[in-house]
Amino acid sequence: MPKIKTNSGAKKRFALTGSGKIKRKHAYKSHILTKKTKKQKRNLTQTGLVHKTDERNVKFLLGLK
C-alpha cells in the first residue's frame, strides 16, 4: 500500500510543538488592516494552537497518525 502524501498547504500552515500540539497562525491579518485597531492587529500576530477537535484532521493532512 502506498504512503499518504503530506498536504502541501497544511505543511506550510501548521507546525508541531515539542509536546505534540499543533501551532497555527491567526486569520484576518493579511489585508484591510486600516479599520482594525492596533491591539487587534498585535493579538493576531501571535500564534495559536489548533483546537482539540480539529487536531485529528490536521494530523491526517500532515501525514501523522
PDB file of N, CA and C in Angstrom:
ATOM      1  N   MET A   1       0.836  -1.176   0.000  1.00  0.00           N
ATOM      2  CA  MET A   1       0.000   0.000   0.000  1.00  0.00           C
ATOM      3  C   MET A   1       0.885   1.246   0.000  1.00  0.00           C
ATOM      4  N   PRO A   2       0.566   2.259  -0.846  1.00  0.00           N
ATOM      5  CA  PRO A   2       1.438   3.433  -0.936  1.00  0.00           C
ATOM      6  C   PRO A   2       1.325   4.333   0.283  1.00  0.00           C
ATOM      7  N   LYS A   3       2.362   5.122   0.480  1.00  0.00           N
ATOM      8  CA  LYS A   3       2.352   6.094   1.572  1.00  0.00           C
ATOM      9  C   LYS A   3       1.394   7.232   1.229  1.00  0.00           C
ATOM     10  N   ILE A   4       0.824   7.860   2.252  1.00  0.00           N
ATOM     11  CA  ILE A   4      -0.053   9.003   2.042  1.00  0.00           C
ATOM     12  C   ILE A   4       0.811  10.258   1.974  1.00  0.00           C
ATOM     13  N   LYS A   5       0.589  11.057   0.926  1.00  0.00           N
ATOM     14  CA  LYS A   5       1.357  12.285   0.769  1.00  0.00           C
ATOM     15  C   LYS A   5       0.907  13.337   1.780  1.00  0.00           C
ATOM     16  N   THR A   6       1.858  14.146   2.240  1.00  0.00           N
ATOM     17  CA  THR A   6       1.556  15.266   3.107  1.00  0.00           C
ATOM     18  C   THR A   6       0.879  16.347   2.274  1.00  0.00           C
ATOM     19  N   ASN A   7      -0.170  16.947   2.803  1.00  0.00           N
ATOM     20  CA  ASN A   7      -0.856  18.040   2.118  1.00  0.00           C
ATOM     21  C   ASN A   7       0.054  19.265   2.091  1.00  0.00           C
ATOM     22  N   SER A   8       0.339  19.780   0.899  1.00  0.00           N
ATOM     23  CA  SER A   8       1.298  20.881   0.747  1.00  0.00           C
ATOM     24  C   SER A   8       0.855  22.144   1.473  1.00  0.00           C
ATOM     25  N   GLY A   9      -0.430  22.449   1.416  1.00  0.00           N
ATOM     26  CA  GLY A   9      -0.933  23.640   2.093  1.00  0.00           C
ATOM     27  C   GLY A   9      -0.832  23.521   3.601  1.00  0.00           C
ATOM     28  N   ALA A  10      -1.082  22.312   4.107  1.00  0.00           N
ATOM     29  CA  ALA A  10      -1.052  22.098   5.554  1.00  0.00           C
ATOM     30  C   ALA A  10       0.370  22.202   6.102  1.00  0.00           C
ATOM     31  N   LYS A  11       1.341  21.701   5.375  1.00  0.00           N
ATOM     32  CA  LYS A  11       2.713  21.746   5.904  1.00  0.00           C
ATOM     33  C   LYS A  11       3.261  23.169   5.947  1.00  0.00           C
ATOM     34  N   LYS A  12       2.675  24.075   5.128  1.00  0.00           N
ATOM     35  CA  LYS A  12       3.086  25.473   5.176  1.00  0.00           C
ATOM     36  C   LYS A  12       2.388  26.227   6.311  1.00  0.00           C
ATOM     37  N   ARG A  13       1.229  25.764   6.737  1.00  0.00           N
ATOM     38  CA  ARG A  13       0.411  26.496   7.689  1.00  0.00           C
ATOM     39  C   ARG A  13       0.538  26.037   9.138  1.00  0.00           C
ATOM     40  N   PHE A  14       0.956  24.803   9.356  1.00  0.00           N
ATOM     41  CA  PHE A  14       0.977  24.244  10.703  1.00  0.00           C
ATOM     42  C   PHE A  14       2.370  23.764  11.071  1.00  0.00           C
ATOM     43  N   ALA A  15       2.662  23.782  12.381  1.00  0.00           N
ATOM     44  CA  ALA A  15       3.939  23.283  12.889  1.00  0.00           C
ATOM     45  C   ALA A  15       3.690  22.569  14.203  1.00  0.00           C
ATOM     46  N   LEU A  16       4.454  21.524  14.444  1.00  0.00           N
ATOM     47  CA  LEU A  16       4.324  20.762  15.681  1.00  0.00           C
ATOM     48  C   LEU A  16       5.172  21.389  16.782  1.00  0.00           C
ATOM     49  N   THR A  17       4.648  21.384  17.994  1.00  0.00           N
ATOM     50  CA  THR A  17       5.422  21.822  19.151  1.00  0.00           C
ATOM     51  C   THR A  17       6.139  20.611  19.739  1.00  0.00           C
ATOM     52  N   GLY A  18       6.985  20.853  20.716  1.00  0.00           N
ATOM     53  CA  GLY A  18       7.713  19.762  21.342  1.00  0.00           C
ATOM     54  C   GLY A  18       6.810  18.791  22.075  1.00  0.00           C
ATOM     55  N   SER A  19       5.687  19.294  22.591  1.00  0.00           N
ATOM     56  CA  SER A  19       4.776  18.432  23.342  1.00  0.00           C
ATOM     57  C   SER A  19       3.755  17.734  22.447  1.00  0.00           C
ATOM     58  N   GLY A  20       3.829  17.975  21.131  1.00  0.00           N
ATOM     59  CA  GLY A  20       2.937  17.285  20.201  1.00  0.00           C
ATOM     60  C   GLY A  20       1.696  18.062  19.811  1.00  0.00           C
ATOM     61  N   LYS A  21       1.559  19.294  20.320  1.00  0.00           N
ATOM     62  CA  LYS A  21       0.433  20.128  19.918  1.00  0.00           C
ATOM     63  C   LYS A  21       0.747  20.764  18.563  1.00  0.00           C
ATOM     64  N   ILE A  22      -0.275  21.333  17.939  1.00  0.00           N
ATOM     65  CA  ILE A  22      -0.097  21.902  16.607  1.00  0.00           C
ATOM     66  C   ILE A  22      -0.284  23.421  16.669  1.00  0.00           C
ATOM     67  N   LYS A  23       0.759  24.143  16.228  1.00  0.00           N
ATOM     68  CA  LYS A  23       0.706  25.604  16.193  1.00  0.00           C
ATOM     69  C   LYS A  23       0.065  26.056  14.893  1.00  0.00           C
ATOM     70  N   ARG A  24      -0.606  27.210  14.961  1.00  0.00           N
ATOM     71  CA  ARG A  24      -1.208  27.806  13.773  1.00  0.00           C
ATOM     72  C   ARG A  24      -1.116  29.317  13.871  1.00  0.00           C
ATOM     73  N   LYS A  25      -1.319  29.987  12.741  1.00  0.00           N
ATOM     74  CA  LYS A  25      -1.368  31.443  12.732  1.00  0.00           C
ATOM     75  C   LYS A  25      -2.817  31.885  12.717  1.00  0.00           C
ATOM     76  N   HIS A  26      -3.059  33.108  13.166  1.00  0.00           N
ATOM     77  CA  HIS A  26      -4.400  33.657  13.150  1.00  0.00           C
ATOM     78  C   HIS A  26      -4.751  34.175  11.761  1.00  0.00           C
ATOM     79  N   ALA A  27      -6.020  34.146  11.447  1.00  0.00           N
ATOM     80  CA  ALA A  27      -6.517  34.682  10.187  1.00  0.00           C
ATOM     81  C   ALA A  27      -6.762  36.182  10.326  1.00  0.00           C
ATOM     82  N   TYR A  28      -7.160  36.820   9.239  1.00  0.00           N
ATOM     83  CA  TYR A  28      -7.537  38.240   9.201  1.00  0.00           C
ATOM     84  C   TYR A  28      -6.369  39.189   9.461  1.00  0.00           C
ATOM     85  N   LYS A  29      -5.166  38.830   9.065  1.00  0.00           N
ATOM     86  CA  LYS A  29      -4.001  39.690   9.274  1.00  0.00           C
ATOM     87  C   LYS A  29      -3.333  40.050   7.952  1.00  0.00           C
ATOM     88  N   SER A  30      -3.975  39.751   6.819  1.00  0.00           N
ATOM     89  CA  SER A  30      -3.298  39.943   5.539  1.00  0.00           C
ATOM     90  C   SER A  30      -3.681  41.220   4.811  1.00  0.00           C
ATOM     91  N   HIS A  31      -4.921  41.680   4.926  1.00  0.00           N
ATOM     92  CA  HIS A  31      -5.316  42.906   4.230  1.00  0.00           C
ATOM     93  C   HIS A  31      -6.502  43.535   4.958  1.00  0.00           C
ATOM     94  N   ILE A  32      -6.901  44.718   4.501  1.00  0.00           N
ATOM     95  CA  ILE A  32      -7.921  45.545   5.151  1.00  0.00           C
ATOM     96  C   ILE A  32      -7.537  45.773   6.624  1.00  0.00           C
ATOM     97  N   LEU A  33      -6.312  46.255   6.801  1.00  0.00           N
ATOM     98  CA  LEU A  33      -5.795  46.442   8.155  1.00  0.00           C
ATOM     99  C   LEU A  33      -6.065  47.845   8.692  1.00  0.00           C
ATOM    100  N   THR A  34      -6.516  48.759   7.845  1.00  0.00           N
ATOM    101  CA  THR A  34      -6.692  50.147   8.295  1.00  0.00           C
ATOM    102  C   THR A  34      -7.835  50.279   9.289  1.00  0.00           C
ATOM    103  N   LYS A  35      -8.869  49.475   9.154  1.00  0.00           N
ATOM    104  CA  LYS A  35     -10.009  49.584  10.064  1.00  0.00           C
ATOM    105  C   LYS A  35      -9.841  48.755  11.331  1.00  0.00           C
ATOM    106  N   LYS A  36      -8.772  47.984  11.429  1.00  0.00           N
ATOM    107  CA  LYS A  36      -8.536  47.184  12.625  1.00  0.00           C
ATOM    108  C   LYS A  36      -7.673  47.979  13.607  1.00  0.00           C
ATOM    109  N   THR A  37      -7.951  47.809  14.883  1.00  0.00           N
ATOM    110  CA  THR A  37      -7.198  48.546  15.898  1.00  0.00           C
ATOM    111  C   THR A  37      -5.794  47.957  16.043  1.00  0.00           C
ATOM    112  N   LYS A  38      -4.901  48.752  16.645  1.00  0.00           N
ATOM    113  CA  LYS A  38      -3.537  48.286  16.888  1.00  0.00           C
ATOM    114  C   LYS A  38      -3.538  47.047  17.774  1.00  0.00           C
ATOM    115  N   LYS A  39      -4.391  47.051  18.777  1.00  0.00           N
ATOM    116  CA  LYS A  39      -4.480  45.919  19.699  1.00  0.00           C
ATOM    117  C   LYS A  39      -4.924  44.656  18.964  1.00  0.00           C
ATOM    118  N   GLN A  40      -5.899  44.809  18.085  1.00  0.00           N
ATOM    119  CA  GLN A  40      -6.411  43.670  17.332  1.00  0.00           C
ATOM    120  C   GLN A  40      -5.315  43.087  16.434  1.00  0.00           C
ATOM    121  N   LYS A  41      -4.597  43.956  15.725  1.00  0.00           N
ATOM    122  CA  LYS A  41      -3.528  43.503  14.829  1.00  0.00           C
ATOM    123  C   LYS A  41      -2.392  42.855  15.614  1.00  0.00           C
ATOM    124  N   ARG A  42      -2.063  43.425  16.772  1.00  0.00           N
ATOM    125  CA  ARG A  42      -0.995  42.881  17.606  1.00  0.00           C
ATOM    126  C   ARG A  42      -1.362  41.486  18.103  1.00  0.00           C
ATOM    127  N   ASN A  43      -2.618  41.297  18.514  1.00  0.00           N
ATOM    128  CA  ASN A  43      -3.047  39.991  19.007  1.00  0.00           C
ATOM    129  C   ASN A  43      -3.131  38.955  17.895  1.00  0.00           C
ATOM    130  N   LEU A  44      -3.421  39.386  16.673  1.00  0.00           N
ATOM    131  CA  LEU A  44      -3.477  38.455  15.546  1.00  0.00           C
ATOM    132  C   LEU A  44      -2.087  37.986  15.129  1.00  0.00           C
ATOM    133  N   THR A  45      -1.054  38.741  15.502  1.00  0.00           N
ATOM    134  CA  THR A  45       0.321  38.383  15.143  1.00  0.00           C
ATOM    135  C   THR A  45       0.784  37.129  15.894  1.00  0.00           C
ATOM    136  N   GLN A  46       0.305  36.971  17.119  1.00  0.00           N
ATOM    137  CA  GLN A  46       0.736  35.833  17.937  1.00  0.00           C
ATOM    138  C   GLN A  46       0.182  34.526  17.383  1.00  0.00           C
ATOM    139  N   THR A  47       0.919  33.451  17.598  1.00  0.00           N
ATOM    140  CA  THR A  47       0.459  32.147  17.141  1.00  0.00           C
ATOM    141  C   THR A  47      -0.525  31.565  18.139  1.00  0.00           C
ATOM    142  N   GLY A  48      -1.365  30.680  17.638  1.00  0.00           N
ATOM    143  CA  GLY A  48      -2.325  29.986  18.491  1.00  0.00           C
ATOM    144  C   GLY A  48      -2.133  28.493  18.355  1.00  0.00           C
ATOM    145  N   LEU A  49      -2.988  27.742  19.009  1.00  0.00           N
ATOM    146  CA  LEU A  49      -2.948  26.291  18.916  1.00  0.00           C
ATOM    147  C   LEU A  49      -4.215  25.800  18.227  1.00  0.00           C
ATOM    148  N   VAL A  50      -4.075  24.722  17.478  1.00  0.00           N
ATOM    149  CA  VAL A  50      -5.238  24.108  16.837  1.00  0.00           C
ATOM    150  C   VAL A  50      -6.114  23.504  17.921  1.00  0.00           C
ATOM    151  N   HIS A  51      -7.413  23.673  17.798  1.00  0.00           N
ATOM    152  CA  HIS A  51      -8.342  23.161  18.794  1.00  0.00           C
ATOM    153  C   HIS A  51      -8.315  21.636  18.810  1.00  0.00           C
ATOM    154  N   LYS A  52      -8.593  21.087  19.976  1.00  0.00           N
ATOM    155  CA  LYS A  52      -8.542  19.634  20.184  1.00  0.00           C
ATOM    156  C   LYS A  52      -9.414  18.873  19.184  1.00  0.00           C
ATOM    157  N   THR A  53     -10.578  19.430  18.832  1.00  0.00           N
ATOM    158  CA  THR A  53     -11.486  18.733  17.920  1.00  0.00           C
ATOM    159  C   THR A  53     -10.980  18.721  16.480  1.00  0.00           C
ATOM    160  N   ASP A  54     -10.083  19.647  16.125  1.00  0.00           N
ATOM    161  CA  ASP A  54      -9.547  19.710  14.766  1.00  0.00           C
ATOM    162  C   ASP A  54      -8.192  19.016  14.635  1.00  0.00           C
ATOM    163  N   GLU A  55      -7.570  18.647  15.759  1.00  0.00           N
ATOM    164  CA  GLU A  55      -6.226  18.076  15.713  1.00  0.00           C
ATOM    165  C   GLU A  55      -6.145  16.817  14.857  1.00  0.00           C
ATOM    166  N   ARG A  56      -7.146  15.956  14.943  1.00  0.00           N
ATOM    167  CA  ARG A  56      -7.121  14.697  14.199  1.00  0.00           C
ATOM    168  C   ARG A  56      -7.072  14.950  12.688  1.00  0.00           C
ATOM    169  N   ASN A  57      -7.884  15.892  12.216  1.00  0.00           N
ATOM    170  CA  ASN A  57      -7.908  16.213  10.795  1.00  0.00           C
ATOM    171  C   ASN A  57      -6.589  16.834  10.326  1.00  0.00           C
ATOM    172  N   VAL A  58      -6.025  17.725  11.118  1.00  0.00           N
ATOM    173  CA  VAL A  58      -4.770  18.387  10.744  1.00  0.00           C
ATOM    174  C   VAL A  58      -3.625  17.370  10.744  1.00  0.00           C
ATOM    175  N   LYS A  59      -3.594  16.485  11.725  1.00  0.00           N
ATOM    176  CA  LYS A  59      -2.545  15.471  11.768  1.00  0.00           C
ATOM    177  C   LYS A  59      -2.626  14.547  10.564  1.00  0.00           C
ATOM    178  N   PHE A  60      -3.845  14.257  10.111  1.00  0.00           N
ATOM    179  CA  PHE A  60      -4.007  13.432   8.908  1.00  0.00           C
ATOM    180  C   PHE A  60      -3.438  14.154   7.692  1.00  0.00           C
ATOM    181  N   LEU A  61      -3.694  15.457   7.583  1.00  0.00           N
ATOM    182  CA  LEU A  61      -3.171  16.244   6.456  1.00  0.00           C
ATOM    183  C   LEU A  61      -1.651  16.321   6.494  1.00  0.00           C
ATOM    184  N   LEU A  62      -1.083  16.330   7.713  1.00  0.00           N
ATOM    185  CA  LEU A  62       0.368  16.402   7.852  1.00  0.00           C
ATOM    186  C   LEU A  62       1.047  15.040   7.714  1.00  0.00           C
ATOM    187  N   GLY A  63       0.263  13.992   7.582  1.00  0.00           N
ATOM    188  CA  GLY A  63       0.820  12.653   7.436  1.00  0.00           C
ATOM    189  C   GLY A  63       1.212  12.025   8.754  1.00  0.00           C
ATOM    190  N   LEU A  64       0.657  12.519   9.859  1.00  0.00           N
ATOM    191  CA  LEU A  64       0.928  11.960  11.184  1.00  0.00           C
ATOM    192  C   LEU A  64      -0.231  11.073  11.592  1.00  0.00           C
ATOM    193  N   LYS A  65      -0.001  10.195  12.512  1.00  0.00           N
ATOM    194  CA  LYS A  65      -1.108   9.327  12.972  1.00  0.00           C
ATOM    195  C   LYS A  65      -1.428   9.605  14.401  1.00  0.00           C
TER     196      LYS A  65
END
